[in-house]
C-alpha atoms as a PDB file:
ATOM      1  CA  MET A   1     -75.861 -37.109 116.796  1.00  0.00           C
ATOM      2  CA  ASN A   2     -77.433 -39.610 119.160  1.00  0.00           C
ATOM      3  CA  LYS A   3     -77.751 -38.259 122.662  1.00  0.00           C
ATOM      4  CA  LEU A   4     -75.164 -39.935 125.081  1.00  0.00           C
ATOM      5  CA  ASN A   5     -76.124 -41.465 128.537  1.00  0.00           C
ATOM      6  CA  ILE A   6     -73.034 -41.111 130.501  1.00  0.00           C
ATOM      7  CA  LEU A   7     -73.103 -42.382 133.966  1.00  0.00           C
ATOM      8  CA  TYR A   8     -69.750 -41.533 135.172  1.00  0.00           C
ATOM      9  CA  GLU A   9     -66.727 -39.615 134.111  1.00  0.00           C
ATOM     10  CA  ASP A  10     -63.518 -38.602 135.334  1.00  0.00           C
ATOM     11  CA  ASN A  11     -60.228 -37.714 134.599  1.00  0.00           C
ATOM     12  CA  HIS A  12     -59.205 -41.316 134.081  1.00  0.00           C
ATOM     13  CA  ILE A  13     -62.362 -43.275 132.633  1.00  0.00           C
ATOM     14  CA  ILE A  14     -65.914 -42.466 131.464  1.00  0.00           C
ATOM     15  CA  VAL A  15     -68.755 -44.960 131.726  1.00  0.00           C
ATOM     16  CA  VAL A  16     -71.558 -44.861 129.251  1.00  0.00           C
ATOM     17  CA  GLU A  17     -74.571 -46.512 127.779  1.00  0.00           C
ATOM     18  CA  LYS A  18     -74.359 -47.903 124.276  1.00  0.00           C
ATOM     19  CA  LYS A  19     -77.533 -48.014 122.720  1.00  0.00           C
ATOM     20  CA  PRO A  20     -78.454 -51.104 120.669  1.00  0.00           C
ATOM     21  CA  ASN A  21     -77.563 -51.051 117.108  1.00  0.00           C
ATOM     22  CA  VAL A  22     -74.573 -48.554 117.462  1.00  0.00           C
ATOM     23  CA  LEU A  23     -71.173 -49.723 116.652  1.00  0.00           C
ATOM     24  CA  CYS A  24     -68.682 -49.409 119.229  1.00  0.00           C
ATOM     25  CA  GLN A  25     -66.086 -48.049 116.901  1.00  0.00           C
ATOM     26  CA  SER A  26     -65.968 -47.456 113.039  1.00  0.00           C
ATOM     27  CA  ASP A  27     -66.178 -50.462 110.487  1.00  0.00           C
ATOM     28  CA  TYR A  28     -66.775 -50.448 106.986  1.00  0.00           C
ATOM     29  CA  THR A  29     -70.130 -49.223 107.082  1.00  0.00           C
ATOM     30  CA  LYS A  30     -69.125 -45.926 108.090  1.00  0.00           C
ATOM     31  CA  ASP A  31     -72.091 -45.638 110.497  1.00  0.00           C
ATOM     32  CA  LEU A  32     -71.526 -43.062 113.295  1.00  0.00           C
ATOM     33  CA  ASP A  33     -70.102 -45.296 116.215  1.00  0.00           C
ATOM     34  CA  LEU A  34     -69.999 -44.707 120.134  1.00  0.00           C
ATOM     35  CA  LEU A  35     -66.198 -43.877 120.236  1.00  0.00           C
ATOM     36  CA  THR A  36     -66.303 -40.968 117.659  1.00  0.00           C
ATOM     37  CA  MET A  37     -69.739 -39.731 119.683  1.00  0.00           C
ATOM     38  CA  LEU A  38     -67.540 -39.761 122.884  1.00  0.00           C
ATOM     39  CA  LYS A  39     -64.325 -38.275 121.455  1.00  0.00           C
ATOM     40  CA  SER A  40     -66.558 -35.476 119.958  1.00  0.00           C
ATOM     41  CA  TYR A  41     -68.116 -34.853 123.137  1.00  0.00           C
ATOM     42  CA  LEU A  42     -64.973 -34.912 125.262  1.00  0.00           C
ATOM     43  CA  LYS A  43     -63.411 -32.340 122.571  1.00  0.00           C
ATOM     44  CA  GLU A  44     -66.187 -29.924 122.812  1.00  0.00           C
ATOM     45  CA  LYS A  45     -66.765 -30.213 126.637  1.00  0.00           C
ATOM     46  CA  TYR A  46     -63.011 -29.549 127.110  1.00  0.00           C
ATOM     47  CA  HIS A  47     -62.139 -27.614 124.095  1.00  0.00           C
ATOM     48  CA  LYS A  48     -59.248 -29.812 123.171  1.00  0.00           C
ATOM     49  CA  PRO A  49     -57.573 -29.066 120.095  1.00  0.00           C
ATOM     50  CA  GLY A  50     -56.409 -31.880 117.735  1.00  0.00           C
ATOM     51  CA  ASN A  51     -57.107 -35.327 118.215  1.00  0.00           C
ATOM     52  CA  VAL A  52     -58.677 -36.775 121.555  1.00  0.00           C
ATOM     53  CA  TYR A  53     -57.463 -39.657 123.206  1.00  0.00           C
ATOM     54  CA  LEU A  54     -60.113 -42.332 124.267  1.00  0.00           C
ATOM     55  CA  GLY A  55     -59.268 -46.106 124.882  1.00  0.00           C
ATOM     56  CA  LEU A  56     -61.465 -48.772 123.743  1.00  0.00           C
ATOM     57  CA  VAL A  57     -60.869 -51.490 126.146  1.00  0.00           C
ATOM     58  CA  HIS A  58     -63.760 -54.118 125.525  1.00  0.00           C
ATOM     59  CA  ARG A  59     -66.609 -54.322 123.191  1.00  0.00           C
ATOM     60  CA  LEU A  60     -70.298 -55.137 122.751  1.00  0.00           C
ATOM     61  CA  ASP A  61     -71.715 -56.625 119.570  1.00  0.00           C
ATOM     62  CA  ARG A  62     -73.381 -54.132 117.326  1.00  0.00           C
ATOM     63  CA  PRO A  63     -77.100 -55.189 118.207  1.00  0.00           C
ATOM     64  CA  VAL A  64     -76.429 -55.322 121.704  1.00  0.00           C
ATOM     65  CA  GLY A  65     -76.741 -52.609 124.172  1.00  0.00           C
ATOM     66  CA  GLY A  66     -75.287 -51.773 127.664  1.00  0.00           C
ATOM     67  CA  LEU A  67     -72.876 -50.353 129.860  1.00  0.00           C
ATOM     68  CA  MET A  68     -69.093 -49.834 128.488  1.00  0.00           C
ATOM     69  CA  VAL A  69     -65.996 -48.110 130.075  1.00  0.00           C
ATOM     70  CA  PHE A  70     -63.645 -46.232 128.064  1.00  0.00           C
ATOM     71  CA  ALA A  71     -60.337 -45.239 129.303  1.00  0.00           C
ATOM     72  CA  LYS A  72     -59.206 -41.390 128.601  1.00  0.00           C
ATOM     73  CA  THR A  73     -55.460 -42.216 129.287  1.00  0.00           C
ATOM     74  CA  SER A  74     -53.182 -44.581 127.864  1.00  0.00           C
ATOM     75  CA  LYS A  75     -52.440 -45.893 131.385  1.00  0.00           C
ATOM     76  CA  ALA A  76     -55.994 -46.313 132.257  1.00  0.00           C
ATOM     77  CA  ALA A  77     -56.484 -48.287 129.049  1.00  0.00           C
ATOM     78  CA  SER A  78     -53.752 -50.334 129.683  1.00  0.00           C
ATOM     79  CA  ARG A  79     -54.507 -51.270 133.546  1.00  0.00           C
ATOM     80  CA  LEU A  80     -58.111 -51.670 132.451  1.00  0.00           C
ATOM     81  CA  SER A  81     -57.070 -54.190 129.646  1.00  0.00           C
ATOM     82  CA  LYS A  82     -55.170 -56.212 131.956  1.00  0.00           C
ATOM     83  CA  SER A  83     -57.913 -56.541 134.465  1.00  0.00           C
ATOM     84  CA  ILE A  84     -60.082 -57.698 131.832  1.00  0.00           C
ATOM     85  CA  CYS A  85     -57.424 -60.314 130.607  1.00  0.00           C
ATOM     86  CA  GLU A  86     -57.247 -61.486 134.235  1.00  0.00           C
ATOM     87  CA  HIS A  87     -61.066 -61.896 134.599  1.00  0.00           C
ATOM     88  CA  GLN A  88     -61.034 -59.286 137.323  1.00  0.00           C
ATOM     89  CA  MET A  89     -63.818 -57.019 135.672  1.00  0.00           C
ATOM     90  CA  THR A  90     -67.499 -58.083 136.533  1.00  0.00           C
ATOM     91  CA  LYS A  91     -69.770 -58.107 133.416  1.00  0.00           C
ATOM     92  CA  GLU A  92     -73.270 -59.308 133.923  1.00  0.00           C
ATOM     93  CA  TYR A  93     -76.120 -59.317 131.243  1.00  0.00           C
ATOM     94  CA  LEU A  94     -79.849 -59.831 130.792  1.00  0.00           C
ATOM     95  CA  LEU A  95     -81.176 -61.731 128.077  1.00  0.00           C
ATOM     96  CA  ILE A  96     -84.639 -63.011 126.986  1.00  0.00           C
ATOM     97  CA  CYS A  97     -84.165 -66.456 125.117  1.00  0.00           C
ATOM     98  CA  HIS A  98     -86.892 -68.798 123.375  1.00  0.00           C
ATOM     99  CA  ASN A  99     -87.998 -71.902 125.290  1.00  0.00           C
ATOM    100  CA  ASN A 100     -88.330 -72.268 128.977  1.00  0.00           C
ATOM    101  CA  LEU A 101     -84.959 -72.523 130.725  1.00  0.00           C
ATOM    102  CA  LYS A 102     -85.130 -73.612 134.272  1.00  0.00           C
ATOM    103  CA  GLY A 103     -82.951 -72.787 137.480  1.00  0.00           C
ATOM    104  CA  LYS A 104     -79.300 -71.698 137.409  1.00  0.00           C
ATOM    105  CA  GLY A 105     -75.982 -73.236 136.042  1.00  0.00           C
ATOM    106  CA  VAL A 106     -72.717 -73.146 133.911  1.00  0.00           C
ATOM    107  CA  MET A 107     -72.234 -73.349 130.232  1.00  0.00           C
ATOM    108  CA  GLU A 108     -68.700 -74.421 129.038  1.00  0.00           C
ATOM    109  CA  ASP A 109     -67.452 -74.969 125.486  1.00  0.00           C
ATOM    110  CA  TYR A 110     -64.612 -74.159 123.243  1.00  0.00           C
ATOM    111  CA  ILE A 111     -65.613 -71.435 120.538  1.00  0.00           C
ATOM    112  CA  LEU A 112     -63.919 -70.939 117.320  1.00  0.00           C
ATOM    113  CA  LYS A 113     -64.273 -67.608 115.239  1.00  0.00           C
ATOM    114  CA  GLN A 114     -65.316 -68.056 111.687  1.00  0.00           C
ATOM    115  CA  ASP A 115     -65.174 -64.648 109.651  1.00  0.00           C
ATOM    116  CA  GLU A 116     -68.268 -62.811 110.987  1.00  0.00           C
ATOM    117  CA  VAL A 117     -69.759 -66.129 112.861  1.00  0.00           C
ATOM    118  CA  SER A 118     -68.444 -68.394 115.559  1.00  0.00           C
ATOM    119  CA  ILE A 119     -68.980 -72.187 116.160  1.00  0.00           C
ATOM    120  CA  ILE A 120     -68.777 -74.565 118.886  1.00  0.00           C
ATOM    121  CA  SER A 121     -65.410 -76.634 117.992  1.00  0.00           C
ATOM    122  CA  LYS A 122     -62.599 -78.677 120.028  1.00  0.00           C
ATOM    123  CA  ASP A 123     -60.408 -76.518 118.035  1.00  0.00           C
ATOM    124  CA  GLY A 124     -61.567 -72.960 119.615  1.00  0.00           C
ATOM    125  CA  LYS A 125     -60.922 -71.048 122.643  1.00  0.00           C
ATOM    126  CA  TYR A 126     -62.468 -71.849 125.879  1.00  0.00           C
ATOM    127  CA  ALA A 127     -65.645 -70.390 127.019  1.00  0.00           C
ATOM    128  CA  LYS A 128     -67.556 -70.020 129.951  1.00  0.00           C
ATOM    129  CA  LEU A 129     -70.529 -68.125 131.735  1.00  0.00           C
ATOM    130  CA  GLU A 130     -72.971 -68.587 134.703  1.00  0.00           C
ATOM    131  CA  TYR A 131     -76.551 -68.233 134.386  1.00  0.00           C
ATOM    132  CA  GLU A 132     -79.732 -67.915 136.532  1.00  0.00           C
ATOM    133  CA  VAL A 133     -83.149 -67.984 135.010  1.00  0.00           C
ATOM    134  CA  LEU A 134     -85.364 -64.868 136.881  1.00  0.00           C
ATOM    135  CA  LYS A 135     -88.577 -65.635 135.057  1.00  0.00           C
ATOM    136  CA  ASN A 136     -90.468 -67.606 132.371  1.00  0.00           C
ATOM    137  CA  LYS A 137     -93.500 -66.594 130.475  1.00  0.00           C
ATOM    138  CA  ASP A 138     -94.987 -67.301 127.006  1.00  0.00           C
ATOM    139  CA  ASN A 139     -92.434 -69.728 126.545  1.00  0.00           C
ATOM    140  CA  LEU A 140     -89.629 -67.298 126.849  1.00  0.00           C
ATOM    141  CA  SER A 141     -86.945 -66.974 129.744  1.00  0.00           C
ATOM    142  CA  LEU A 142     -85.441 -63.801 131.575  1.00  0.00           C
ATOM    143  CA  VAL A 143     -81.905 -64.830 132.180  1.00  0.00           C
ATOM    144  CA  LYS A 144     -79.164 -63.225 134.141  1.00  0.00           C
ATOM    145  CA  VAL A 145     -75.509 -64.235 132.581  1.00  0.00           C
ATOM    146  CA  ASN A 146     -72.114 -63.494 134.494  1.00  0.00           C
ATOM    147  CA  LEU A 147     -69.695 -63.734 131.547  1.00  0.00           C
ATOM    148  CA  ILE A 148     -66.456 -65.508 132.584  1.00  0.00           C
ATOM    149  CA  THR A 149     -64.862 -65.385 129.413  1.00  0.00           C
ATOM    150  CA  GLY A 150     -65.336 -62.827 126.413  1.00  0.00           C
ATOM    151  CA  ARG A 151     -65.500 -64.675 123.056  1.00  0.00           C
ATOM    152  CA  HIS A 152     -66.765 -63.920 120.049  1.00  0.00           C
ATOM    153  CA  HIS A 153     -70.705 -63.855 120.155  1.00  0.00           C
ATOM    154  CA  GLN A 154     -70.244 -66.349 123.423  1.00  0.00           C
ATOM    155  CA  ILE A 155     -73.476 -65.762 125.001  1.00  0.00           C
ATOM    156  CA  ARG A 156     -75.591 -65.668 121.811  1.00  0.00           C
ATOM    157  CA  LEU A 157     -73.877 -68.907 120.482  1.00  0.00           C
ATOM    158  CA  GLN A 158     -73.898 -70.997 123.774  1.00  0.00           C
ATOM    159  CA  PHE A 159     -77.495 -70.320 124.390  1.00  0.00           C
ATOM    160  CA  ALA A 160     -78.510 -71.221 120.780  1.00  0.00           C
ATOM    161  CA  HIS A 161     -76.428 -74.420 120.873  1.00  0.00           C
ATOM    162  CA  ARG A 162     -78.455 -75.903 123.736  1.00  0.00           C
ATOM    163  CA  GLY A 163     -81.945 -74.779 122.100  1.00  0.00           C
ATOM    164  CA  TYR A 164     -82.562 -71.584 123.857  1.00  0.00           C
ATOM    165  CA  PRO A 165     -81.612 -69.193 120.895  1.00  0.00           C
ATOM    166  CA  LEU A 166     -82.046 -65.373 121.956  1.00  0.00           C
ATOM    167  CA  TYR A 167     -85.273 -63.285 120.953  1.00  0.00           C
ATOM    168  CA  GLY A 168     -84.226 -61.495 118.162  1.00  0.00           C
ATOM    169  CA  ASP A 169     -80.909 -62.870 117.299  1.00  0.00           C
ATOM    170  CA  GLN A 170     -80.727 -62.619 113.482  1.00  0.00           C
ATOM    171  CA  LEU A 171     -77.559 -64.786 113.303  1.00  0.00           C
ATOM    172  CA  TYR A 172     -78.033 -67.739 115.549  1.00  0.00           C
ATOM    173  CA  GLY A 173     -81.477 -67.518 116.470  1.00  0.00           C
ATOM    174  CA  LYS A 174     -85.288 -67.962 114.769  1.00  0.00           C
ATOM    175  CA  GLN A 175     -84.778 -65.188 112.309  1.00  0.00           C
ATOM    176  CA  ASP A 176     -87.978 -63.438 113.965  1.00  0.00           C
ATOM    177  CA  LYS A 177     -86.938 -60.036 112.645  1.00  0.00           C
ATOM    178  CA  LYS A 178     -86.978 -58.187 116.121  1.00  0.00           C
ATOM    179  CA  GLN A 179     -84.246 -56.354 118.383  1.00  0.00           C
ATOM    180  CA  ILE A 180     -82.071 -58.874 120.071  1.00  0.00           C
ATOM    181  CA  ALA A 181     -82.654 -59.297 123.910  1.00  0.00           C
ATOM    182  CA  LEU A 182     -79.262 -58.872 125.370  1.00  0.00           C
ATOM    183  CA  PHE A 183     -78.191 -56.074 127.507  1.00  0.00           C
ATOM    184  CA  CYS A 184     -74.933 -55.530 129.649  1.00  0.00           C
ATOM    185  CA  PHE A 185     -76.710 -54.140 132.766  1.00  0.00           C
ATOM    186  CA  HIS A 186     -73.848 -54.486 135.307  1.00  0.00           C
ATOM    187  CA  ILE A 187     -70.267 -53.698 135.172  1.00  0.00           C
ATOM    188  CA  ALA A 188     -67.870 -53.597 138.257  1.00  0.00           C
ATOM    189  CA  PHE A 189     -63.993 -53.067 137.989  1.00  0.00           C
ATOM    190  CA  LYS A 190     -61.361 -51.802 140.086  1.00  0.00           C
ATOM    191  CA  HIS A 191     -60.749 -47.806 139.172  1.00  0.00           C
ATOM    192  CA  PRO A 192     -57.293 -47.963 137.071  1.00  0.00           C
ATOM    193  CA  VAL A 193     -55.878 -45.072 139.326  1.00  0.00           C
ATOM    194  CA  LYS A 194     -57.983 -44.709 142.520  1.00  0.00           C
ATOM    195  CA  ASP A 195     -58.088 -47.781 145.033  1.00  0.00           C
ATOM    196  CA  GLU A 196     -61.747 -48.426 144.846  1.00  0.00           C
ATOM    197  CA  ILE A 197     -64.359 -50.507 143.255  1.00  0.00           C
ATOM    198  CA  MET A 198     -66.491 -48.826 140.625  1.00  0.00           C
ATOM    199  CA  ASP A 199     -69.867 -50.554 140.346  1.00  0.00           C
ATOM    200  CA  PHE A 200     -72.580 -49.492 137.739  1.00  0.00           C
ATOM    201  CA  LYS A 201     -76.062 -50.931 136.709  1.00  0.00           C
ATOM    202  CA  LEU A 202     -78.458 -50.039 134.468  1.00  0.00           C
ATOM    203  CA  MET A 203     -81.631 -51.901 133.238  1.00  0.00           C
ATOM    204  CA  PRO A 204     -82.937 -52.260 129.774  1.00  0.00           C
ATOM    205  CA  LYS A 205     -86.471 -50.242 129.328  1.00  0.00           C
ATOM    206  CA  ASP A 206     -87.746 -50.713 125.602  1.00  0.00           C
ATOM    207  CA  GLY A 207     -89.430 -53.379 123.581  1.00  0.00           C
ATOM    208  CA  ILE A 208     -89.816 -56.682 124.922  1.00  0.00           C
ATOM    209  CA  TRP A 209     -87.881 -56.009 128.183  1.00  0.00           C
ATOM    210  CA  LYS A 210     -91.113 -53.799 129.396  1.00  0.00           C
ATOM    211  CA  GLU A 211     -92.912 -57.220 129.502  1.00  0.00           C
ATOM    212  CA  PHE A 212     -90.249 -58.944 131.855  1.00  0.00           C
ATOM    213  CA  ILE A 213     -88.476 -56.063 133.610  1.00  0.00           C
ATOM    214  CA  ASP A 214     -91.175 -54.052 134.832  1.00  0.00           C
ATOM    215  CA  GLU A 215     -92.900 -57.041 136.545  1.00  0.00           C
ATOM    216  CA  THR A 216     -89.649 -58.496 138.056  1.00  0.00           C
END
């Protein structure tokens, strides 16, 4: 089993790093997924008999790494899901894209999911993100993204659509056979039970990130 990097845990939630290429939950591949790993961790740590409840309230694409929060009770799951639907959870990403993007701005489109891919289409759902370029180097750009809506492959598609495909994106990018450079580095949300804001940050460290993060 992969070693878990747990940033925070209490009776209601658990905040953990999802490693790149690990599934959020089981699919047809039957590869080991984060939800199963966390359930095994909880079962062992607390000596729980039978099935362990753990609510998956948001997702990251399989190749994407970063921070996720899981709910340890159904009440916490319901409240976290509601906060996400009402856009009250902050989710910020770092990405590296091809070509020299400049400044800051907003991307707005309508995205339609078609099987395993998504396209820009007037028949799709509204999608919005805010971005700020942090650095340009070797015809690549390090960009911070505040994800306003959470559509299927939204960040990857919106950047590729504008001529800035993500480094290592096998689906919408240049097929350069590298690990995709997209990482959820910051999440913040109101605790589902306590009256406090939970705020977590974690920076990516490996691969292409070393060329940008260490110097930033």
